[in-house]
Amino acid sequence: MTVRVEVTADQRFGTNSYLVEDDETHDAVVIDSNLEPDLMIEVAKQRGANVKAILLTHTDIDHIAGLHELRGAFGPVPIAVHAAEKDVIAEGRPLRREFGPIATRVDNVTTLVEGEPYRAGSLEFEVLHTPGHSPGGVTLKIDGHLFTGDALFAGSIGRSDFANSDTAALLEGIKSRLLSQADDAIVYSGHGPATTIGRERRMNPFLT
């Protein structure tokens, strides 16, 4: 299987949304849903991708803002999220007490569980729980690609100054679950450019 990755980013927060596609079957998923879902819908259309699910690395508003629009384009596909943040999108509960209530509430919400592969058509993801930025933060791994959400960035790590963040858990998750990956594993973050595990292990000032 050859995995193809396409990325879109919104202008307001620079939040990345990814189309991950099996080049042979064209089965695909969208990872995270930024504030400009039309960009992702257009990419999927151009690729002829058959979007089977939407996977969330976590549920901050800039990562879930376009869910309704994506559902409108791709149909009632499952939306998968870690159990610790499931009620944010299933019941509309705010993730952060620092911010007001959100209007994103969807059905057909499924759970991402560490140690249980998540299958969407011909794609199969390994789920790594990488909390700390938020309680249900996950990294999704497929074919040497790591979608780290707001845990690990090129040259930085996620914020952990919210009421439900945990700096120690963030660093522990990165070091045990991410830095243990191969040097050439590609890191696709929630914001900013792609990087590699090897580069972050050597050069990330937050991880020395």
Foldseek 3Di string as FASTA:
>chain_A
DDWDKDWDADDPPQFIKIWIADLPPLETEIEFAAPCNVVVLVVSVVSVHQYQEYEYLAPDCRRCVCVVVVCVRRPQHEYEFAPVHQCCAQVQDDQAPVDDTDDHHHPNYHYDDAPDWDDGPPFTWHWQQQFQLGRGGIWTDGDLEIEREQLDDQQEGHDRPTPRGHNVSSLVSCVPPPLVDDQARWYHYRHDDIDGSVNCCPHRPVND
